[in-house]
Amino acid sequence: MNLELLQLIRNVLLRCAVVCFGFSVIMSLATVALWDFWTGLTAQWFHTSADGLGTPILYFFAAVKFYGIFVLLSPGLALHWTIKSLDKKA
């Protein structure tokens, strides 16, 4: 792999991580702001109680955070450090 390809992959991963965290902030703000509306609506659509919706939503945000950190951000930072060390050697 050449340096330009590594830089491209790094840029894509880091930009995807930024977009992922941006969407998660927007979704969490919308969830907090519209909690009463959404719990009533989902309880009616999916025939569940409004009390039991907190745990799946918490699991969803934990999965988004896990994906953003370990699938996007960690490889992006590793590539960033690799590219910086290759630049210092050259």
PDB file of N, CA and C in Angstrom:
ATOM      1  N   MET A   1       0.843  -1.183   0.000  1.00  0.00           N
ATOM      2  CA  MET A   1       0.000   0.000   0.000  1.00  0.00           C
ATOM      3  C   MET A   1       0.887   1.244   0.000  1.00  0.00           C
ATOM      4  N   ASN A   2       0.522   2.168  -0.815  1.00  0.00           N
ATOM      5  CA  ASN A   2       1.283   3.396  -0.838  1.00  0.00           C
ATOM      6  C   ASN A   2       0.693   4.400   0.155  1.00  0.00           C
ATOM      7  N   LEU A   3       1.425   5.458   0.361  1.00  0.00           N
ATOM      8  CA  LEU A   3       1.061   6.455   1.368  1.00  0.00           C
ATOM      9  C   LEU A   3      -0.236   7.172   1.020  1.00  0.00           C
ATOM     10  N   GLU A   4      -0.483   7.419  -0.246  1.00  0.00           N
ATOM     11  CA  GLU A   4      -1.706   8.124  -0.653  1.00  0.00           C
ATOM     12  C   GLU A   4      -2.957   7.295  -0.359  1.00  0.00           C
ATOM     13  N   LEU A   5      -2.876   5.991  -0.559  1.00  0.00           N
ATOM     14  CA  LEU A   5      -4.014   5.126  -0.259  1.00  0.00           C
ATOM     15  C   LEU A   5      -4.282   5.072   1.243  1.00  0.00           C
ATOM     16  N   LEU A   6      -3.214   5.017   2.037  1.00  0.00           N
ATOM     17  CA  LEU A   6      -3.383   5.040   3.489  1.00  0.00           C
ATOM     18  C   LEU A   6      -4.010   6.349   3.957  1.00  0.00           C
ATOM     19  N   GLN A   7      -3.600   7.452   3.364  1.00  0.00           N
ATOM     20  CA  GLN A   7      -4.180   8.747   3.713  1.00  0.00           C
ATOM     21  C   GLN A   7      -5.653   8.816   3.335  1.00  0.00           C
ATOM     22  N   LEU A   8      -6.004   8.260   2.192  1.00  0.00           N
ATOM     23  CA  LEU A   8      -7.399   8.244   1.771  1.00  0.00           C
ATOM     24  C   LEU A   8      -8.251   7.421   2.736  1.00  0.00           C
ATOM     25  N   ILE A   9      -7.776   6.236   3.103  1.00  0.00           N
ATOM     26  CA  ILE A   9      -8.525   5.390   4.036  1.00  0.00           C
ATOM     27  C   ILE A   9      -8.661   6.077   5.388  1.00  0.00           C
ATOM     28  N   ARG A  10      -7.566   6.691   5.855  1.00  0.00           N
ATOM     29  CA  ARG A  10      -7.611   7.420   7.126  1.00  0.00           C
ATOM     30  C   ARG A  10      -8.638   8.548   7.079  1.00  0.00           C
ATOM     31  N   ASN A  11      -8.622   9.331   6.017  1.00  0.00           N
ATOM     32  CA  ASN A  11      -9.557  10.447   5.907  1.00  0.00           C
ATOM     33  C   ASN A  11     -11.005   9.972   5.885  1.00  0.00           C
ATOM     34  N   VAL A  12     -11.258   8.885   5.178  1.00  0.00           N
ATOM     35  CA  VAL A  12     -12.626   8.348   5.127  1.00  0.00           C
ATOM     36  C   VAL A  12     -13.065   7.874   6.504  1.00  0.00           C
ATOM     37  N   LEU A  13     -12.201   7.144   7.204  1.00  0.00           N
ATOM     38  CA  LEU A  13     -12.558   6.639   8.530  1.00  0.00           C
ATOM     39  C   LEU A  13     -12.811   7.770   9.526  1.00  0.00           C
ATOM     40  N   LEU A  14     -11.937   8.764   9.546  1.00  0.00           N
ATOM     41  CA  LEU A  14     -12.111   9.861  10.493  1.00  0.00           C
ATOM     42  C   LEU A  14     -13.338  10.710  10.169  1.00  0.00           C
ATOM     43  N   ARG A  15     -13.605  10.931   8.913  1.00  0.00           N
ATOM     44  CA  ARG A  15     -14.804  11.700   8.542  1.00  0.00           C
ATOM     45  C   ARG A  15     -16.073  10.920   8.846  1.00  0.00           C
ATOM     46  N   CYS A  16     -16.041   9.611   8.639  1.00  0.00           N
ATOM     47  CA  CYS A  16     -17.199   8.793   9.006  1.00  0.00           C
ATOM     48  C   CYS A  16     -17.422   8.797  10.516  1.00  0.00           C
ATOM     49  N   ALA A  17     -16.338   8.817  11.285  1.00  0.00           N
ATOM     50  CA  ALA A  17     -16.464   8.883  12.740  1.00  0.00           C
ATOM     51  C   ALA A  17     -17.093  10.207  13.162  1.00  0.00           C
ATOM     52  N   VAL A  18     -16.705  11.289  12.546  1.00  0.00           N
ATOM     53  CA  VAL A  18     -17.291  12.596  12.866  1.00  0.00           C
ATOM     54  C   VAL A  18     -18.779  12.611  12.529  1.00  0.00           C
ATOM     55  N   VAL A  19     -19.137  12.079  11.374  1.00  0.00           N
ATOM     56  CA  VAL A  19     -20.546  12.021  10.973  1.00  0.00           C
ATOM     57  C   VAL A  19     -21.336  11.121  11.931  1.00  0.00           C
ATOM     58  N   CYS A  20     -20.752   9.997  12.319  1.00  0.00           N
ATOM     59  CA  CYS A  20     -21.407   9.070  13.239  1.00  0.00           C
ATOM     60  C   CYS A  20     -21.682   9.742  14.582  1.00  0.00           C
ATOM     61  N   PHE A  21     -20.677  10.430  15.129  1.00  0.00           N
ATOM     62  CA  PHE A  21     -20.870  11.102  16.410  1.00  0.00           C
ATOM     63  C   PHE A  21     -21.827  12.283  16.286  1.00  0.00           C
ATOM     64  N   GLY A  22     -21.799  12.973  15.150  1.00  0.00           N
ATOM     65  CA  GLY A  22     -22.752  14.064  14.939  1.00  0.00           C
ATOM     66  C   GLY A  22     -24.187  13.568  14.902  1.00  0.00           C
ATOM     67  N   PHE A  23     -24.426  12.475  14.160  1.00  0.00           N
ATOM     68  CA  PHE A  23     -25.764  11.907  14.113  1.00  0.00           C
ATOM     69  C   PHE A  23     -26.198  11.370  15.476  1.00  0.00           C
ATOM     70  N   SER A  24     -25.267  10.803  16.230  1.00  0.00           N
ATOM     71  CA  SER A  24     -25.649  10.278  17.546  1.00  0.00           C
ATOM     72  C   SER A  24     -26.017  11.413  18.496  1.00  0.00           C
ATOM     73  N   VAL A  25     -25.345  12.549  18.408  1.00  0.00           N
ATOM     74  CA  VAL A  25     -25.722  13.700  19.240  1.00  0.00           C
ATOM     75  C   VAL A  25     -27.093  14.206  18.837  1.00  0.00           C
ATOM     76  N   ILE A  26     -27.343  14.324  17.539  1.00  0.00           N
ATOM     77  CA  ILE A  26     -28.658  14.788  17.071  1.00  0.00           C
ATOM     78  C   ILE A  26     -29.754  13.814  17.491  1.00  0.00           C
ATOM     79  N   MET A  27     -29.498  12.498  17.346  1.00  0.00           N
ATOM     80  CA  MET A  27     -30.510  11.513  17.742  1.00  0.00           C
ATOM     81  C   MET A  27     -30.755  11.526  19.243  1.00  0.00           C
ATOM     82  N   SER A  28     -29.701  11.700  20.031  1.00  0.00           N
ATOM     83  CA  SER A  28     -29.898  11.726  21.478  1.00  0.00           C
ATOM     84  C   SER A  28     -30.650  12.977  21.913  1.00  0.00           C
ATOM     85  N   LEU A  29     -30.365  14.114  21.293  1.00  0.00           N
ATOM     86  CA  LEU A  29     -31.117  15.325  21.614  1.00  0.00           C
ATOM     87  C   LEU A  29     -32.586  15.194  21.215  1.00  0.00           C
ATOM     88  N   ALA A  30     -32.835  14.613  20.053  1.00  0.00           N
ATOM     89  CA  ALA A  30     -34.224  14.399  19.624  1.00  0.00           C
ATOM     90  C   ALA A  30     -34.930  13.402  20.536  1.00  0.00           C
ATOM     91  N   THR A  31     -34.221  12.387  20.997  1.00  0.00           N
ATOM     92  CA  THR A  31     -34.821  11.407  21.902  1.00  0.00           C
ATOM     93  C   THR A  31     -35.195  12.042  23.223  1.00  0.00           C
ATOM     94  N   VAL A  32     -34.293  12.851  23.777  1.00  0.00           N
ATOM     95  CA  VAL A  32     -34.575  13.502  25.060  1.00  0.00           C
ATOM     96  C   VAL A  32     -35.702  14.521  24.908  1.00  0.00           C
ATOM     97  N   ALA A  33     -35.672  15.292  23.836  1.00  0.00           N
ATOM     98  CA  ALA A  33     -36.675  16.347  23.657  1.00  0.00           C
ATOM     99  C   ALA A  33     -38.068  15.782  23.377  1.00  0.00           C
ATOM    100  N   LEU A  34     -38.138  14.692  22.649  1.00  0.00           N
ATOM    101  CA  LEU A  34     -39.434  14.148  22.239  1.00  0.00           C
ATOM    102  C   LEU A  34     -39.741  12.814  22.915  1.00  0.00           C
ATOM    103  N   TRP A  35     -39.216  12.580  24.119  1.00  0.00           N
ATOM    104  CA  TRP A  35     -39.366  11.293  24.788  1.00  0.00           C
ATOM    105  C   TRP A  35     -40.837  10.911  24.984  1.00  0.00           C
ATOM    106  N   ASP A  36     -41.642  11.818  25.485  1.00  0.00           N
ATOM    107  CA  ASP A  36     -43.052  11.506  25.752  1.00  0.00           C
ATOM    108  C   ASP A  36     -43.805  11.173  24.465  1.00  0.00           C
ATOM    109  N   PHE A  37     -43.554  11.913  23.427  1.00  0.00           N
ATOM    110  CA  PHE A  37     -44.222  11.664  22.149  1.00  0.00           C
ATOM    111  C   PHE A  37     -43.827  10.310  21.573  1.00  0.00           C
ATOM    112  N   TRP A  38     -42.512  10.028  21.526  1.00  0.00           N
ATOM    113  CA  TRP A  38     -42.036   8.792  20.906  1.00  0.00           C
ATOM    114  C   TRP A  38     -42.404   7.554  21.701  1.00  0.00           C
ATOM    115  N   THR A  39     -42.388   7.645  23.023  1.00  0.00           N
ATOM    116  CA  THR A  39     -42.754   6.463  23.812  1.00  0.00           C
ATOM    117  C   THR A  39     -44.219   6.111  23.611  1.00  0.00           C
ATOM    118  N   GLY A  40     -45.069   7.111  23.553  1.00  0.00           N
ATOM    119  CA  GLY A  40     -46.480   6.841  23.293  1.00  0.00           C
ATOM    120  C   GLY A  40     -46.711   6.264  21.908  1.00  0.00           C
ATOM    121  N   LEU A  41     -46.004   6.810  20.934  1.00  0.00           N
ATOM    122  CA  LEU A  41     -46.156   6.346  19.559  1.00  0.00           C
ATOM    123  C   LEU A  41     -45.634   4.924  19.377  1.00  0.00           C
ATOM    124  N   THR A  42     -44.455   4.632  19.894  1.00  0.00           N
ATOM    125  CA  THR A  42     -43.918   3.285  19.748  1.00  0.00           C
ATOM    126  C   THR A  42     -44.673   2.266  20.581  1.00  0.00           C
ATOM    127  N   ALA A  43     -45.191   2.691  21.719  1.00  0.00           N
ATOM    128  CA  ALA A  43     -46.001   1.774  22.515  1.00  0.00           C
ATOM    129  C   ALA A  43     -47.280   1.396  21.768  1.00  0.00           C
ATOM    130  N   GLN A  44     -47.825   2.328  21.029  1.00  0.00           N
ATOM    131  CA  GLN A  44     -49.030   2.045  20.251  1.00  0.00           C
ATOM    132  C   GLN A  44     -48.705   1.201  19.013  1.00  0.00           C
ATOM    133  N   TRP A  45     -47.619   1.512  18.316  1.00  0.00           N
ATOM    134  CA  TRP A  45     -47.269   0.789  17.094  1.00  0.00           C
ATOM    135  C   TRP A  45     -46.834  -0.640  17.367  1.00  0.00           C
ATOM    136  N   PHE A  46     -45.996  -0.825  18.375  1.00  0.00           N
ATOM    137  CA  PHE A  46     -45.384  -2.132  18.612  1.00  0.00           C
ATOM    138  C   PHE A  46     -46.006  -2.881  19.782  1.00  0.00           C
ATOM    139  N   HIS A  47     -47.071  -2.347  20.351  1.00  0.00           N
ATOM    140  CA  HIS A  47     -47.821  -2.981  21.433  1.00  0.00           C
ATOM    141  C   HIS A  47     -46.919  -3.344  22.606  1.00  0.00           C
ATOM    142  N   THR A  48     -46.103  -2.374  23.013  1.00  0.00           N
ATOM    143  CA  THR A  48     -45.245  -2.552  24.173  1.00  0.00           C
ATOM    144  C   THR A  48     -45.598  -1.499  25.203  1.00  0.00           C
ATOM    145  N   SER A  49     -45.079  -1.671  26.400  1.00  0.00           N
ATOM    146  CA  SER A  49     -45.309  -0.659  27.427  1.00  0.00           C
ATOM    147  C   SER A  49     -44.275   0.454  27.273  1.00  0.00           C
ATOM    148  N   ALA A  50     -44.658   1.632  27.661  1.00  0.00           N
ATOM    149  CA  ALA A  50     -43.751   2.771  27.560  1.00  0.00           C
ATOM    150  C   ALA A  50     -42.606   2.646  28.559  1.00  0.00           C
ATOM    151  N   ASP A  51     -42.805   1.886  29.626  1.00  0.00           N
ATOM    152  CA  ASP A  51     -41.753   1.721  30.639  1.00  0.00           C
ATOM    153  C   ASP A  51     -40.587   0.885  30.134  1.00  0.00           C
ATOM    154  N   GLY A  52     -40.840  -0.030  29.224  1.00  0.00           N
ATOM    155  CA  GLY A  52     -39.798  -0.931  28.751  1.00  0.00           C
ATOM    156  C   GLY A  52     -38.979  -0.423  27.591  1.00  0.00           C
ATOM    157  N   LEU A  53     -39.163   0.819  27.188  1.00  0.00           N
ATOM    158  CA  LEU A  53     -38.443   1.340  26.020  1.00  0.00           C
ATOM    159  C   LEU A  53     -37.088   1.952  26.356  1.00  0.00           C
ATOM    160  N   GLY A  54     -36.830   2.211  27.621  1.00  0.00           N
ATOM    161  CA  GLY A  54     -35.563   2.838  28.000  1.00  0.00           C
ATOM    162  C   GLY A  54     -34.362   1.949  27.748  1.00  0.00           C
ATOM    163  N   THR A  55     -34.494   0.675  28.070  1.00  0.00           N
ATOM    164  CA  THR A  55     -33.368  -0.251  27.910  1.00  0.00           C
ATOM    165  C   THR A  55     -32.977  -0.462  26.454  1.00  0.00           C
ATOM    166  N   PRO A  56     -33.911  -0.721  25.525  1.00  0.00           N
ATOM    167  CA  PRO A  56     -33.486  -0.864  24.118  1.00  0.00           C
ATOM    168  C   PRO A  56     -32.876   0.415  23.538  1.00  0.00           C
ATOM    169  N   ILE A  57     -33.355   1.558  23.961  1.00  0.00           N
ATOM    170  CA  ILE A  57     -32.794   2.810  23.461  1.00  0.00           C
ATOM    171  C   ILE A  57     -31.384   3.005  24.003  1.00  0.00           C
ATOM    172  N   LEU A  58     -31.187   2.644  25.267  1.00  0.00           N
ATOM    173  CA  LEU A  58     -29.850   2.714  25.847  1.00  0.00           C
ATOM    174  C   LEU A  58     -28.896   1.761  25.140  1.00  0.00           C
ATOM    175  N   TYR A  59     -29.349   0.558  24.819  1.00  0.00           N
ATOM    176  CA  TYR A  59     -28.528  -0.407  24.075  1.00  0.00           C
ATOM    177  C   TYR A  59     -28.202   0.109  22.678  1.00  0.00           C
ATOM    178  N   PHE A  60     -29.168   0.778  22.043  1.00  0.00           N
ATOM    179  CA  PHE A  60     -28.930   1.333  20.716  1.00  0.00           C
ATOM    180  C   PHE A  60     -27.817   2.374  20.755  1.00  0.00           C
ATOM    181  N   PHE A  61     -27.883   3.299  21.702  1.00  0.00           N
ATOM    182  CA  PHE A  61     -26.861   4.329  21.780  1.00  0.00           C
ATOM    183  C   PHE A  61     -25.511   3.748  22.191  1.00  0.00           C
ATOM    184  N   ALA A  62     -25.514   2.699  23.001  1.00  0.00           N
ATOM    185  CA  ALA A  62     -24.254   2.034  23.343  1.00  0.00           C
ATOM    186  C   ALA A  62     -23.648   1.364  22.116  1.00  0.00           C
ATOM    187  N   ALA A  63     -24.479   0.761  21.265  1.00  0.00           N
ATOM    188  CA  ALA A  63     -23.984   0.132  20.041  1.00  0.00           C
ATOM    189  C   ALA A  63     -23.436   1.173  19.070  1.00  0.00           C
ATOM    190  N   VAL A  64     -24.101   2.312  18.955  1.00  0.00           N
ATOM    191  CA  VAL A  64     -23.613   3.385  18.080  1.00  0.00           C
ATOM    192  C   VAL A  64     -22.270   3.899  18.581  1.00  0.00           C
ATOM    193  N   LYS A  65     -22.156   4.068  19.894  1.00  0.00           N
ATOM    194  CA  LYS A  65     -20.892   4.529  20.481  1.00  0.00           C
ATOM    195  C   LYS A  65     -19.780   3.500  20.259  1.00  0.00           C
ATOM    196  N   PHE A  66     -20.086   2.228  20.462  1.00  0.00           N
ATOM    197  CA  PHE A  66     -19.110   1.164  20.229  1.00  0.00           C
ATOM    198  C   PHE A  66     -18.644   1.167  18.785  1.00  0.00           C
ATOM    199  N   TYR A  67     -19.578   1.264  17.856  1.00  0.00           N
ATOM    200  CA  TYR A  67     -19.244   1.283  16.428  1.00  0.00           C
ATOM    201  C   TYR A  67     -18.369   2.492  16.098  1.00  0.00           C
ATOM    202  N   GLY A  68     -18.758   3.647  16.588  1.00  0.00           N
ATOM    203  CA  GLY A  68     -18.001   4.858  16.279  1.00  0.00           C
ATOM    204  C   GLY A  68     -16.589   4.825  16.809  1.00  0.00           C
ATOM    205  N   ILE A  69     -16.422   4.295  18.023  1.00  0.00           N
ATOM    206  CA  ILE A  69     -15.087   4.293  18.624  1.00  0.00           C
ATOM    207  C   ILE A  69     -14.221   3.176  18.070  1.00  0.00           C
ATOM    208  N   PHE A  70     -14.740   1.943  18.087  1.00  0.00           N
ATOM    209  CA  PHE A  70     -13.878   0.803  17.785  1.00  0.00           C
ATOM    210  C   PHE A  70     -13.822   0.436  16.311  1.00  0.00           C
ATOM    211  N   VAL A  71     -14.792   0.820  15.525  1.00  0.00           N
ATOM    212  CA  VAL A  71     -14.776   0.475  14.104  1.00  0.00           C
ATOM    213  C   VAL A  71     -14.292   1.639  13.246  1.00  0.00           C
ATOM    214  N   LEU A  72     -14.583   2.864  13.657  1.00  0.00           N
ATOM    215  CA  LEU A  72     -14.200   4.011  12.840  1.00  0.00           C
ATOM    216  C   LEU A  72     -13.028   4.807  13.413  1.00  0.00           C
ATOM    217  N   LEU A  73     -13.125   5.194  14.685  1.00  0.00           N
ATOM    218  CA  LEU A  73     -12.139   6.108  15.249  1.00  0.00           C
ATOM    219  C   LEU A  73     -10.792   5.435  15.525  1.00  0.00           C
ATOM    220  N   SER A  74     -10.794   4.264  16.114  1.00  0.00           N
ATOM    221  CA  SER A  74      -9.530   3.594  16.451  1.00  0.00           C
ATOM    222  C   SER A  74      -8.685   3.268  15.215  1.00  0.00           C
ATOM    223  N   PRO A  75      -9.248   2.653  14.168  1.00  0.00           N
ATOM    224  CA  PRO A  75      -8.413   2.428  12.974  1.00  0.00           C
ATOM    225  C   PRO A  75      -7.974   3.729  12.304  1.00  0.00           C
ATOM    226  N   GLY A  76      -8.838   4.737  12.346  1.00  0.00           N
ATOM    227  CA  GLY A  76      -8.469   6.023  11.759  1.00  0.00           C
ATOM    228  C   GLY A  76      -7.301   6.667  12.479  1.00  0.00           C
ATOM    229  N   LEU A  77      -7.318   6.613  13.812  1.00  0.00           N
ATOM    230  CA  LEU A  77      -6.196   7.166  14.575  1.00  0.00           C
ATOM    231  C   LEU A  77      -4.934   6.337  14.395  1.00  0.00           C
ATOM    232  N   ALA A  78      -5.079   5.024  14.321  1.00  0.00           N
ATOM    233  CA  ALA A  78      -3.910   4.172  14.092  1.00  0.00           C
ATOM    234  C   ALA A  78      -3.273   4.481  12.740  1.00  0.00           C
ATOM    235  N   LEU A  79      -4.098   4.649  11.723  1.00  0.00           N
ATOM    236  CA  LEU A  79      -3.558   5.018  10.408  1.00  0.00           C
ATOM    237  C   LEU A  79      -2.922   6.405  10.439  1.00  0.00           C
ATOM    238  N   HIS A  80      -3.516   7.315  11.192  1.00  0.00           N
ATOM    239  CA  HIS A  80      -2.962   8.663  11.305  1.00  0.00           C
ATOM    240  C   HIS A  80      -1.560   8.621  11.909  1.00  0.00           C
ATOM    241  N   TRP A  81      -1.405   7.866  12.983  1.00  0.00           N
ATOM    242  CA  TRP A  81      -0.096   7.757  13.622  1.00  0.00           C
ATOM    243  C   TRP A  81       0.897   7.023  12.724  1.00  0.00           C
ATOM    244  N   THR A  82       0.432   6.034  11.979  1.00  0.00           N
ATOM    245  CA  THR A  82       1.305   5.320  11.057  1.00  0.00           C
ATOM    246  C   THR A  82       1.790   6.247   9.949  1.00  0.00           C
ATOM    247  N   ILE A  83       0.889   7.058   9.425  1.00  0.00           N
ATOM    248  CA  ILE A  83       1.261   7.982   8.355  1.00  0.00           C
ATOM    249  C   ILE A  83       2.243   9.035   8.883  1.00  0.00           C
ATOM    250  N   LYS A  84       2.018   9.520  10.093  1.00  0.00           N
ATOM    251  CA  LYS A  84       2.938  10.514  10.671  1.00  0.00           C
ATOM    252  C   LYS A  84       4.324   9.910  10.890  1.00  0.00           C
ATOM    253  N   SER A  85       4.367   8.654  11.335  1.00  0.00           N
ATOM    254  CA  SER A  85       5.700   8.035  11.530  1.00  0.00           C
ATOM    255  C   SER A  85       6.380   7.762  10.191  1.00  0.00           C
ATOM    256  N   LEU A  86       5.628   7.428   9.166  1.00  0.00           N
ATOM    257  CA  LEU A  86       6.230   7.237   7.841  1.00  0.00           C
ATOM    258  C   LEU A  86       6.734   8.553   7.259  1.00  0.00           C
ATOM    259  N   ASP A  87       6.018   9.660   7.549  1.00  0.00           N
ATOM    260  CA  ASP A  87       6.463  10.978   7.075  1.00  0.00           C
ATOM    261  C   ASP A  87       7.762  11.394   7.755  1.00  0.00           C
ATOM    262  N   LYS A  88       7.906  11.047   9.046  1.00  0.00           N
ATOM    263  CA  LYS A  88       9.137  11.411   9.747  1.00  0.00           C
ATOM    264  C   LYS A  88      10.336  10.633   9.228  1.00  0.00           C
ATOM    265  N   LYS A  89      10.114   9.378   8.817  1.00  0.00           N
ATOM    266  CA  LYS A  89      11.205   8.557   8.288  1.00  0.00           C
ATOM    267  C   LYS A  89      11.639   9.016   6.905  1.00  0.00           C
ATOM    268  N   ALA A  90      10.699   9.547   6.134  1.00  0.00           N
ATOM    269  CA  ALA A  90      11.014   9.943   4.756  1.00  0.00           C
ATOM    270  C   ALA A  90      11.647  11.308   4.663  1.00  0.00           C
TER     271      ALA A  90
END
